[in-house]
Amino acid sequence: AFVPSVPGPALRVLLFLLGVQEPGGRIVITQQAIADA
């Protein structure tokens, strides 16, 4: 419900980050690792 009209790639990245987060929302990852995923 909180997602504004971000570009499509931002939504793809957000969905990925939601799936790899630690409890509390912390994510340790490089931009290249996100890109590959």
PDB file of all heavy atoms in Angstrom:
ATOM      1  N   ALA A   1       0.829  -1.199   0.000  1.00  0.00           N
ATOM      2  CA  ALA A   1       0.000   0.000   0.000  1.00  0.00           C
ATOM      3  C   ALA A   1       0.865   1.252   0.000  1.00  0.00           C
ATOM      4  O   ALA A   1       0.386   2.340  -0.300  1.00  0.00           O
ATOM      5  CB  ALA A   1      -0.921   0.005   1.215  1.00  0.00           C
ATOM      6  N   PHE A   2       2.148   1.109   0.323  1.00  0.00           N
ATOM      7  CA  PHE A   2       3.032   2.262   0.456  1.00  0.00           C
ATOM      8  C   PHE A   2       3.894   2.502  -0.775  1.00  0.00           C
ATOM      9  O   PHE A   2       4.739   3.380  -0.761  1.00  0.00           O
ATOM     10  CB  PHE A   2       3.947   2.085   1.669  1.00  0.00           C
ATOM     11  CG  PHE A   2       3.216   1.775   2.938  1.00  0.00           C
ATOM     12  CD1 PHE A   2       3.497   0.638   3.656  1.00  0.00           C
ATOM     13  CD2 PHE A   2       2.245   2.630   3.425  1.00  0.00           C
ATOM     14  CE1 PHE A   2       2.836   0.351   4.832  1.00  0.00           C
ATOM     15  CE2 PHE A   2       1.563   2.359   4.596  1.00  0.00           C
ATOM     16  CZ  PHE A   2       1.856   1.212   5.291  1.00  0.00           C
ATOM     17  N   VAL A   3       3.745   1.732  -1.815  1.00  0.00           N
ATOM     18  CA  VAL A   3       4.628   1.855  -2.972  1.00  0.00           C
ATOM     19  C   VAL A   3       4.116   2.961  -3.886  1.00  0.00           C
ATOM     20  O   VAL A   3       3.029   2.850  -4.446  1.00  0.00           O
ATOM     21  CB  VAL A   3       4.740   0.520  -3.748  1.00  0.00           C
ATOM     22  CG1 VAL A   3       5.673   0.668  -4.929  1.00  0.00           C
ATOM     23  CG2 VAL A   3       5.216  -0.593  -2.832  1.00  0.00           C
ATOM     24  N   PRO A   4       4.887   4.038  -4.046  1.00  0.00           N
ATOM     25  CA  PRO A   4       4.471   5.092  -4.980  1.00  0.00           C
ATOM     26  C   PRO A   4       4.747   4.634  -6.409  1.00  0.00           C
ATOM     27  O   PRO A   4       5.184   3.506  -6.637  1.00  0.00           O
ATOM     28  CB  PRO A   4       5.359   6.281  -4.588  1.00  0.00           C
ATOM     29  CG  PRO A   4       6.605   5.631  -4.086  1.00  0.00           C
ATOM     30  CD  PRO A   4       6.167   4.348  -3.420  1.00  0.00           C
ATOM     31  N   SER A   5       4.543   5.492  -7.352  1.00  0.00           N
ATOM     32  CA  SER A   5       4.714   5.125  -8.757  1.00  0.00           C
ATOM     33  C   SER A   5       6.190   5.157  -9.155  1.00  0.00           C
ATOM     34  O   SER A   5       6.604   5.919 -10.009  1.00  0.00           O
ATOM     35  CB  SER A   5       3.902   6.055  -9.659  1.00  0.00           C
ATOM     36  OG  SER A   5       4.270   7.402  -9.416  1.00  0.00           O
ATOM     37  N   VAL A   6       6.977   4.299  -8.502  1.00  0.00           N
ATOM     38  CA  VAL A   6       8.398   4.184  -8.818  1.00  0.00           C
ATOM     39  C   VAL A   6       8.558   3.481 -10.165  1.00  0.00           C
ATOM     40  O   VAL A   6       7.671   2.739 -10.593  1.00  0.00           O
ATOM     41  CB  VAL A   6       9.172   3.415  -7.720  1.00  0.00           C
ATOM     42  CG1 VAL A   6       9.159   4.181  -6.413  1.00  0.00           C
ATOM     43  CG2 VAL A   6       8.637   2.018  -7.532  1.00  0.00           C
ATOM     44  N   PRO A   7       9.687   3.684 -10.834  1.00  0.00           N
ATOM     45  CA  PRO A   7       9.928   2.971 -12.094  1.00  0.00           C
ATOM     46  C   PRO A   7       9.936   1.457 -11.868  1.00  0.00           C
ATOM     47  O   PRO A   7      10.227   0.978 -10.760  1.00  0.00           O
ATOM     48  CB  PRO A   7      11.309   3.465 -12.530  1.00  0.00           C
ATOM     49  CG  PRO A   7      11.551   4.718 -11.761  1.00  0.00           C
ATOM     50  CD  PRO A   7      10.760   4.612 -10.495  1.00  0.00           C
ATOM     51  N   GLY A   8       9.637   0.697 -12.915  1.00  0.00           N
ATOM     52  CA  GLY A   8       9.577  -0.755 -12.837  1.00  0.00           C
ATOM     53  C   GLY A   8      10.797  -1.413 -12.216  1.00  0.00           C
ATOM     54  O   GLY A   8      10.653  -2.287 -11.350  1.00  0.00           O
ATOM     55  N   PRO A   9      12.017  -1.023 -12.620  1.00  0.00           N
ATOM     56  CA  PRO A   9      13.193  -1.646 -11.993  1.00  0.00           C
ATOM     57  C   PRO A   9      13.238  -1.435 -10.479  1.00  0.00           C
ATOM     58  O   PRO A   9      13.684  -2.312  -9.744  1.00  0.00           O
ATOM     59  CB  PRO A   9      14.370  -0.963 -12.693  1.00  0.00           C
ATOM     60  CG  PRO A   9      13.832  -0.568 -14.024  1.00  0.00           C
ATOM     61  CD  PRO A   9      12.395  -0.181 -13.759  1.00  0.00           C
ATOM     62  N   ALA A  10      12.755  -0.294  -9.997  1.00  0.00           N
ATOM     63  CA  ALA A  10      12.754  -0.043  -8.547  1.00  0.00           C
ATOM     64  C   ALA A  10      11.812  -1.021  -7.848  1.00  0.00           C
ATOM     65  O   ALA A  10      12.114  -1.520  -6.765  1.00  0.00           O
ATOM     66  CB  ALA A  10      12.354   1.397  -8.248  1.00  0.00           C
ATOM     67  N   LEU A  11      10.697  -1.317  -8.481  1.00  0.00           N
ATOM     68  CA  LEU A  11       9.772  -2.279  -7.892  1.00  0.00           C
ATOM     69  C   LEU A  11      10.384  -3.676  -7.864  1.00  0.00           C
ATOM     70  O   LEU A  11      10.266  -4.392  -6.872  1.00  0.00           O
ATOM     71  CB  LEU A  11       8.456  -2.280  -8.663  1.00  0.00           C
ATOM     72  CG  LEU A  11       7.328  -3.097  -8.062  1.00  0.00           C
ATOM     73  CD1 LEU A  11       7.036  -2.686  -6.633  1.00  0.00           C
ATOM     74  CD2 LEU A  11       6.082  -2.969  -8.911  1.00  0.00           C
ATOM     75  N   ARG A  12      11.085  -4.052  -8.932  1.00  0.00           N
ATOM     76  CA  ARG A  12      11.767  -5.352  -8.953  1.00  0.00           C
ATOM     77  C   ARG A  12      12.803  -5.441  -7.849  1.00  0.00           C
ATOM     78  O   ARG A  12      12.911  -6.454  -7.157  1.00  0.00           O
ATOM     79  CB  ARG A  12      12.425  -5.581 -10.313  1.00  0.00           C
ATOM     80  CG  ARG A  12      11.426  -5.888 -11.412  1.00  0.00           C
ATOM     81  CD  ARG A  12      12.050  -5.945 -12.771  1.00  0.00           C
ATOM     82  NE  ARG A  12      13.033  -7.009 -12.904  1.00  0.00           N
ATOM     83  CZ  ARG A  12      13.783  -7.166 -13.977  1.00  0.00           C
ATOM     84  NH1 ARG A  12      13.668  -6.339 -15.001  1.00  0.00           N
ATOM     85  NH2 ARG A  12      14.654  -8.143 -14.042  1.00  0.00           N
ATOM     86  N   VAL A  13      13.568  -4.369  -7.664  1.00  0.00           N
ATOM     87  CA  VAL A  13      14.591  -4.353  -6.619  1.00  0.00           C
ATOM     88  C   VAL A  13      13.927  -4.420  -5.245  1.00  0.00           C
ATOM     89  O   VAL A  13      14.373  -5.162  -4.364  1.00  0.00           O
ATOM     90  CB  VAL A  13      15.509  -3.122  -6.757  1.00  0.00           C
ATOM     91  CG1 VAL A  13      16.388  -2.937  -5.527  1.00  0.00           C
ATOM     92  CG2 VAL A  13      16.359  -3.236  -8.017  1.00  0.00           C
ATOM     93  N   LEU A  14      12.841  -3.675  -5.043  1.00  0.00           N
ATOM     94  CA  LEU A  14      12.143  -3.704  -3.760  1.00  0.00           C
ATOM     95  C   LEU A  14      11.647  -5.111  -3.446  1.00  0.00           C
ATOM     96  O   LEU A  14      11.822  -5.602  -2.322  1.00  0.00           O
ATOM     97  CB  LEU A  14      10.970  -2.720  -3.751  1.00  0.00           C
ATOM     98  CG  LEU A  14      10.118  -2.735  -2.480  1.00  0.00           C
ATOM     99  CD1 LEU A  14      10.943  -2.340  -1.264  1.00  0.00           C
ATOM    100  CD2 LEU A  14       8.919  -1.828  -2.639  1.00  0.00           C
ATOM    101  N   LEU A  15      11.045  -5.772  -4.408  1.00  0.00           N
ATOM    102  CA  LEU A  15      10.555  -7.132  -4.178  1.00  0.00           C
ATOM    103  C   LEU A  15      11.707  -8.060  -3.786  1.00  0.00           C
ATOM    104  O   LEU A  15      11.567  -8.887  -2.882  1.00  0.00           O
ATOM    105  CB  LEU A  15       9.840  -7.657  -5.423  1.00  0.00           C
ATOM    106  CG  LEU A  15       8.492  -7.008  -5.727  1.00  0.00           C
ATOM    107  CD1 LEU A  15       7.993  -7.445  -7.092  1.00  0.00           C
ATOM    108  CD2 LEU A  15       7.480  -7.314  -4.648  1.00  0.00           C
ATOM    109  N   PHE A  16      12.832  -7.905  -4.446  1.00  0.00           N
ATOM    110  CA  PHE A  16      13.992  -8.727  -4.110  1.00  0.00           C
ATOM    111  C   PHE A  16      14.474  -8.431  -2.687  1.00  0.00           C
ATOM    112  O   PHE A  16      14.726  -9.341  -1.900  1.00  0.00           O
ATOM    113  CB  PHE A  16      15.127  -8.497  -5.116  1.00  0.00           C
ATOM    114  CG  PHE A  16      16.386  -9.221  -4.752  1.00  0.00           C
ATOM    115  CD1 PHE A  16      16.499 -10.592  -4.930  1.00  0.00           C
ATOM    116  CD2 PHE A  16      17.455  -8.532  -4.201  1.00  0.00           C
ATOM    117  CE1 PHE A  16      17.654 -11.271  -4.560  1.00  0.00           C
ATOM    118  CE2 PHE A  16      18.614  -9.197  -3.839  1.00  0.00           C
ATOM    119  CZ  PHE A  16      18.717 -10.569  -4.021  1.00  0.00           C
ATOM    120  N   LEU A  17      14.580  -7.145  -2.350  1.00  0.00           N
ATOM    121  CA  LEU A  17      15.060  -6.762  -1.017  1.00  0.00           C
ATOM    122  C   LEU A  17      14.128  -7.268   0.079  1.00  0.00           C
ATOM    123  O   LEU A  17      14.587  -7.680   1.143  1.00  0.00           O
ATOM    124  CB  LEU A  17      15.219  -5.247  -0.918  1.00  0.00           C
ATOM    125  CG  LEU A  17      16.286  -4.618  -1.812  1.00  0.00           C
ATOM    126  CD1 LEU A  17      16.291  -3.104  -1.659  1.00  0.00           C
ATOM    127  CD2 LEU A  17      17.655  -5.200  -1.548  1.00  0.00           C
ATOM    128  N   LEU A  18      12.837  -7.250  -0.186  1.00  0.00           N
ATOM    129  CA  LEU A  18      11.885  -7.773   0.793  1.00  0.00           C
ATOM    130  C   LEU A  18      12.164  -9.245   1.080  1.00  0.00           C
ATOM    131  O   LEU A  18      11.964  -9.717   2.200  1.00  0.00           O
ATOM    132  CB  LEU A  18      10.447  -7.595   0.292  1.00  0.00           C
ATOM    133  CG  LEU A  18       9.898  -6.171   0.327  1.00  0.00           C
ATOM    134  CD1 LEU A  18       8.597  -6.086  -0.454  1.00  0.00           C
ATOM    135  CD2 LEU A  18       9.720  -5.691   1.745  1.00  0.00           C
ATOM    136  N   GLY A  19      12.641  -9.964   0.081  1.00  0.00           N
ATOM    137  CA  GLY A  19      12.892 -11.388   0.240  1.00  0.00           C
ATOM    138  C   GLY A  19      14.220 -11.748   0.868  1.00  0.00           C
ATOM    139  O   GLY A  19      14.395 -12.880   1.319  1.00  0.00           O
ATOM    140  N   VAL A  20      15.165 -10.812   0.902  1.00  0.00           N
ATOM    141  CA  VAL A  20      16.493 -11.143   1.439  1.00  0.00           C
ATOM    142  C   VAL A  20      16.839 -10.395   2.727  1.00  0.00           C
ATOM    143  O   VAL A  20      17.941 -10.523   3.231  1.00  0.00           O
ATOM    144  CB  VAL A  20      17.612 -10.888   0.391  1.00  0.00           C
ATOM    145  CG1 VAL A  20      17.413 -11.774  -0.820  1.00  0.00           C
ATOM    146  CG2 VAL A  20      17.694  -9.420   0.013  1.00  0.00           C
ATOM    147  N   GLN A  21      15.891  -9.663   3.266  1.00  0.00           N
ATOM    148  CA  GLN A  21      16.167  -8.865   4.465  1.00  0.00           C
ATOM    149  C   GLN A  21      16.327  -9.726   5.705  1.00  0.00           C
ATOM    150  O   GLN A  21      15.791 -10.822   5.805  1.00  0.00           O
ATOM    151  CB  GLN A  21      15.046  -7.852   4.678  1.00  0.00           C
ATOM    152  CG  GLN A  21      13.704  -8.506   5.006  1.00  0.00           C
ATOM    153  CD  GLN A  21      12.614  -7.494   5.219  1.00  0.00           C
ATOM    154  OE1 GLN A  21      12.731  -6.643   6.098  1.00  0.00           O
ATOM    155  NE2 GLN A  21      11.560  -7.588   4.426  1.00  0.00           N
ATOM    156  N   GLU A  22      17.077  -9.192   6.638  1.00  0.00           N
ATOM    157  CA  GLU A  22      17.189  -9.774   7.973  1.00  0.00           C
ATOM    158  C   GLU A  22      16.022  -9.246   8.802  1.00  0.00           C
ATOM    159  O   GLU A  22      15.395  -8.254   8.416  1.00  0.00           O
ATOM    160  CB  GLU A  22      18.511  -9.334   8.623  1.00  0.00           C
ATOM    161  CG  GLU A  22      19.744  -9.770   7.882  1.00  0.00           C
ATOM    162  CD  GLU A  22      21.014  -9.116   8.425  1.00  0.00           C
ATOM    163  OE1 GLU A  22      20.946  -8.394   9.450  1.00  0.00           O
ATOM    164  OE2 GLU A  22      22.071  -9.323   7.817  1.00  0.00           O
ATOM    165  N   PRO A  23      15.722  -9.848   9.937  1.00  0.00           N
ATOM    166  CA  PRO A  23      14.677  -9.282  10.791  1.00  0.00           C
ATOM    167  C   PRO A  23      14.991  -7.816  11.118  1.00  0.00           C
ATOM    168  O   PRO A  23      16.115  -7.475  11.441  1.00  0.00           O
ATOM    169  CB  PRO A  23      14.737 -10.154  12.053  1.00  0.00           C
ATOM    170  CG  PRO A  23      15.296 -11.451  11.573  1.00  0.00           C
ATOM    171  CD  PRO A  23      16.270 -11.090  10.484  1.00  0.00           C
ATOM    172  N   GLY A  24      13.994  -6.966  10.965  1.00  0.00           N
ATOM    173  CA  GLY A  24      14.186  -5.537  11.195  1.00  0.00           C
ATOM    174  C   GLY A  24      14.500  -4.769   9.930  1.00  0.00           C
ATOM    175  O   GLY A  24      14.626  -3.559   9.940  1.00  0.00           O
ATOM    176  N   GLY A  25      14.649  -5.462   8.805  1.00  0.00           N
ATOM    177  CA  GLY A  25      14.817  -4.797   7.529  1.00  0.00           C
ATOM    178  C   GLY A  25      16.241  -4.521   7.100  1.00  0.00           C
ATOM    179  O   GLY A  25      16.464  -3.861   6.092  1.00  0.00           O
ATOM    180  N   ARG A  26      17.239  -5.042   7.803  1.00  0.00           N
ATOM    181  CA  ARG A  26      18.634  -4.802   7.426  1.00  0.00           C
ATOM    182  C   ARG A  26      19.012  -5.731   6.273  1.00  0.00           C
ATOM    183  O   ARG A  26      18.659  -6.913   6.271  1.00  0.00           O
ATOM    184  CB  ARG A  26      19.558  -5.056   8.612  1.00  0.00           C
ATOM    185  CG  ARG A  26      21.008  -4.717   8.338  1.00  0.00           C
ATOM    186  CD  ARG A  26      21.799  -4.756   9.647  1.00  0.00           C
ATOM    187  NE  ARG A  26      23.168  -4.380   9.435  1.00  0.00           N
ATOM    188  CZ  ARG A  26      24.167  -5.246   9.257  1.00  0.00           C
ATOM    189  NH1 ARG A  26      23.932  -6.546   9.278  1.00  0.00           N
ATOM    190  NH2 ARG A  26      25.396  -4.825   9.079  1.00  0.00           N
ATOM    191  N   ILE A  27      19.750  -5.181   5.306  1.00  0.00           N
ATOM    192  CA  ILE A  27      20.171  -5.949   4.138  1.00  0.00           C
ATOM    193  C   ILE A  27      21.636  -5.638   3.864  1.00  0.00           C
ATOM    194  O   ILE A  27      22.018  -4.471   3.741  1.00  0.00           O
ATOM    195  CB  ILE A  27      19.343  -5.569   2.897  1.00  0.00           C
ATOM    196  CG1 ILE A  27      17.852  -5.790   3.181  1.00  0.00           C
ATOM    197  CG2 ILE A  27      19.779  -6.375   1.679  1.00  0.00           C
ATOM    198  CD1 ILE A  27      16.951  -4.952   2.320  1.00  0.00           C
ATOM    199  N   VAL A  28      22.447  -6.670   3.792  1.00  0.00           N
ATOM    200  CA  VAL A  28      23.860  -6.512   3.466  1.00  0.00           C
ATOM    201  C   VAL A  28      24.059  -7.180   2.111  1.00  0.00           C
ATOM    202  O   VAL A  28      24.007  -8.403   1.994  1.00  0.00           O
ATOM    203  CB  VAL A  28      24.772  -7.154   4.537  1.00  0.00           C
ATOM    204  CG1 VAL A  28      26.239  -6.994   4.157  1.00  0.00           C
ATOM    205  CG2 VAL A  28      24.489  -6.547   5.906  1.00  0.00           C
ATOM    206  N   ILE A  29      24.262  -6.338   1.076  1.00  0.00           N
ATOM    207  CA  ILE A  29      24.370  -6.853  -0.284  1.00  0.00           C
ATOM    208  C   ILE A  29      24.953  -5.774  -1.183  1.00  0.00           C
ATOM    209  O   ILE A  29      24.747  -4.582  -0.947  1.00  0.00           O
ATOM    210  CB  ILE A  29      22.984  -7.309  -0.802  1.00  0.00           C
ATOM    211  CG1 ILE A  29      23.114  -8.144  -2.068  1.00  0.00           C
ATOM    212  CG2 ILE A  29      22.059  -6.114  -0.994  1.00  0.00           C
ATOM    213  CD1 ILE A  29      21.840  -8.887  -2.444  1.00  0.00           C
ATOM    214  N   THR A  30      25.680  -6.184  -2.194  1.00  0.00           N
ATOM    215  CA  THR A  30      26.222  -5.212  -3.148  1.00  0.00           C
ATOM    216  C   THR A  30      25.200  -4.947  -4.247  1.00  0.00           C
ATOM    217  O   THR A  30      24.308  -5.774  -4.500  1.00  0.00           O
ATOM    218  CB  THR A  30      27.512  -5.736  -3.795  1.00  0.00           C
ATOM    219  OG1 THR A  30      27.200  -6.900  -4.571  1.00  0.00           O
ATOM    220  CG2 THR A  30      28.576  -6.046  -2.747  1.00  0.00           C
ATOM    221  N   GLN A  31      25.364  -3.822  -4.902  1.00  0.00           N
ATOM    222  CA  GLN A  31      24.489  -3.520  -6.031  1.00  0.00           C
ATOM    223  C   GLN A  31      24.675  -4.547  -7.142  1.00  0.00           C
ATOM    224  O   GLN A  31      23.712  -4.910  -7.809  1.00  0.00           O
ATOM    225  CB  GLN A  31      24.757  -2.108  -6.554  1.00  0.00           C
ATOM    226  CG  GLN A  31      24.260  -1.030  -5.624  1.00  0.00           C
ATOM    227  CD  GLN A  31      24.429   0.361  -6.190  1.00  0.00           C
ATOM    228  OE1 GLN A  31      24.714   0.551  -7.360  1.00  0.00           O
ATOM    229  NE2 GLN A  31      24.234   1.358  -5.341  1.00  0.00           N
ATOM    230  N   GLN A  32      25.899  -5.042  -7.316  1.00  0.00           N
ATOM    231  CA  GLN A  32      26.141  -6.047  -8.344  1.00  0.00           C
ATOM    232  C   GLN A  32      25.404  -7.339  -8.021  1.00  0.00           C
ATOM    233  O   GLN A  32      24.849  -7.987  -8.909  1.00  0.00           O
ATOM    234  CB  GLN A  32      27.637  -6.314  -8.515  1.00  0.00           C
ATOM    235  CG  GLN A  32      27.946  -7.231  -9.687  1.00  0.00           C
ATOM    236  CD  GLN A  32      27.463  -6.655 -11.018  1.00  0.00           C
ATOM    237  OE1 GLN A  32      27.823  -5.538 -11.381  1.00  0.00           O
ATOM    238  NE2 GLN A  32      26.644  -7.406 -11.740  1.00  0.00           N
ATOM    239  N   ALA A  33      25.379  -7.735  -6.752  1.00  0.00           N
ATOM    240  CA  ALA A  33      24.656  -8.957  -6.366  1.00  0.00           C
ATOM    241  C   ALA A  33      23.156  -8.794  -6.611  1.00  0.00           C
ATOM    242  O   ALA A  33      22.490  -9.734  -7.061  1.00  0.00           O
ATOM    243  CB  ALA A  33      24.929  -9.291  -4.907  1.00  0.00           C
ATOM    244  N   ILE A  34      22.627  -7.616  -6.332  1.00  0.00           N
ATOM    245  CA  ILE A  34      21.211  -7.355  -6.631  1.00  0.00           C
ATOM    246  C   ILE A  34      20.983  -7.444  -8.132  1.00  0.00           C
ATOM    247  O   ILE A  34      20.033  -8.081  -8.596  1.00  0.00           O
ATOM    248  CB  ILE A  34      20.771  -5.978  -6.094  1.00  0.00           C
ATOM    249  CG1 ILE A  34      20.895  -5.913  -4.570  1.00  0.00           C
ATOM    250  CG2 ILE A  34      19.339  -5.671  -6.528  1.00  0.00           C
ATOM    251  CD1 ILE A  34      20.713  -4.521  -3.991  1.00  0.00           C
ATOM    252  N   ALA A  35      21.874  -6.808  -8.895  1.00  0.00           N
ATOM    253  CA  ALA A  35      21.748  -6.815 -10.355  1.00  0.00           C
ATOM    254  C   ALA A  35      21.747  -8.241 -10.895  1.00  0.00           C
ATOM    255  O   ALA A  35      20.918  -8.593 -11.750  1.00  0.00           O
ATOM    256  CB  ALA A  35      22.883  -5.999 -10.979  1.00  0.00           C
ATOM    257  N   ASP A  36      22.653  -9.059 -10.413  1.00  0.00           N
ATOM    258  CA  ASP A  36      22.723 -10.451 -10.859  1.00  0.00           C
ATOM    259  C   ASP A  36      21.442 -11.205 -10.513  1.00  0.00           C
ATOM    260  O   ASP A  36      20.959 -12.019 -11.295  1.00  0.00           O
ATOM    261  CB  ASP A  36      23.929 -11.158 -10.236  1.00  0.00           C
ATOM    262  CG  ASP A  36      25.263 -10.604 -10.718  1.00  0.00           C
ATOM    263  OD1 ASP A  36      25.298  -9.911 -11.760  1.00  0.00           O
ATOM    264  OD2 ASP A  36      26.281 -10.853 -10.034  1.00  0.00           O
ATOM    265  N   ALA A  37      20.890 -10.936  -9.344  1.00  0.00           N
ATOM    266  CA  ALA A  37      19.704 -11.657  -8.882  1.00  0.00           C
ATOM    267  C   ALA A  37      18.436 -11.272  -9.640  1.00  0.00           C
ATOM    268  O   ALA A  37      17.577 -12.114  -9.876  1.00  0.00           O
ATOM    269  CB  ALA A  37      19.499 -11.432  -7.392  1.00  0.00           C
TER     270      ALA A  37
END
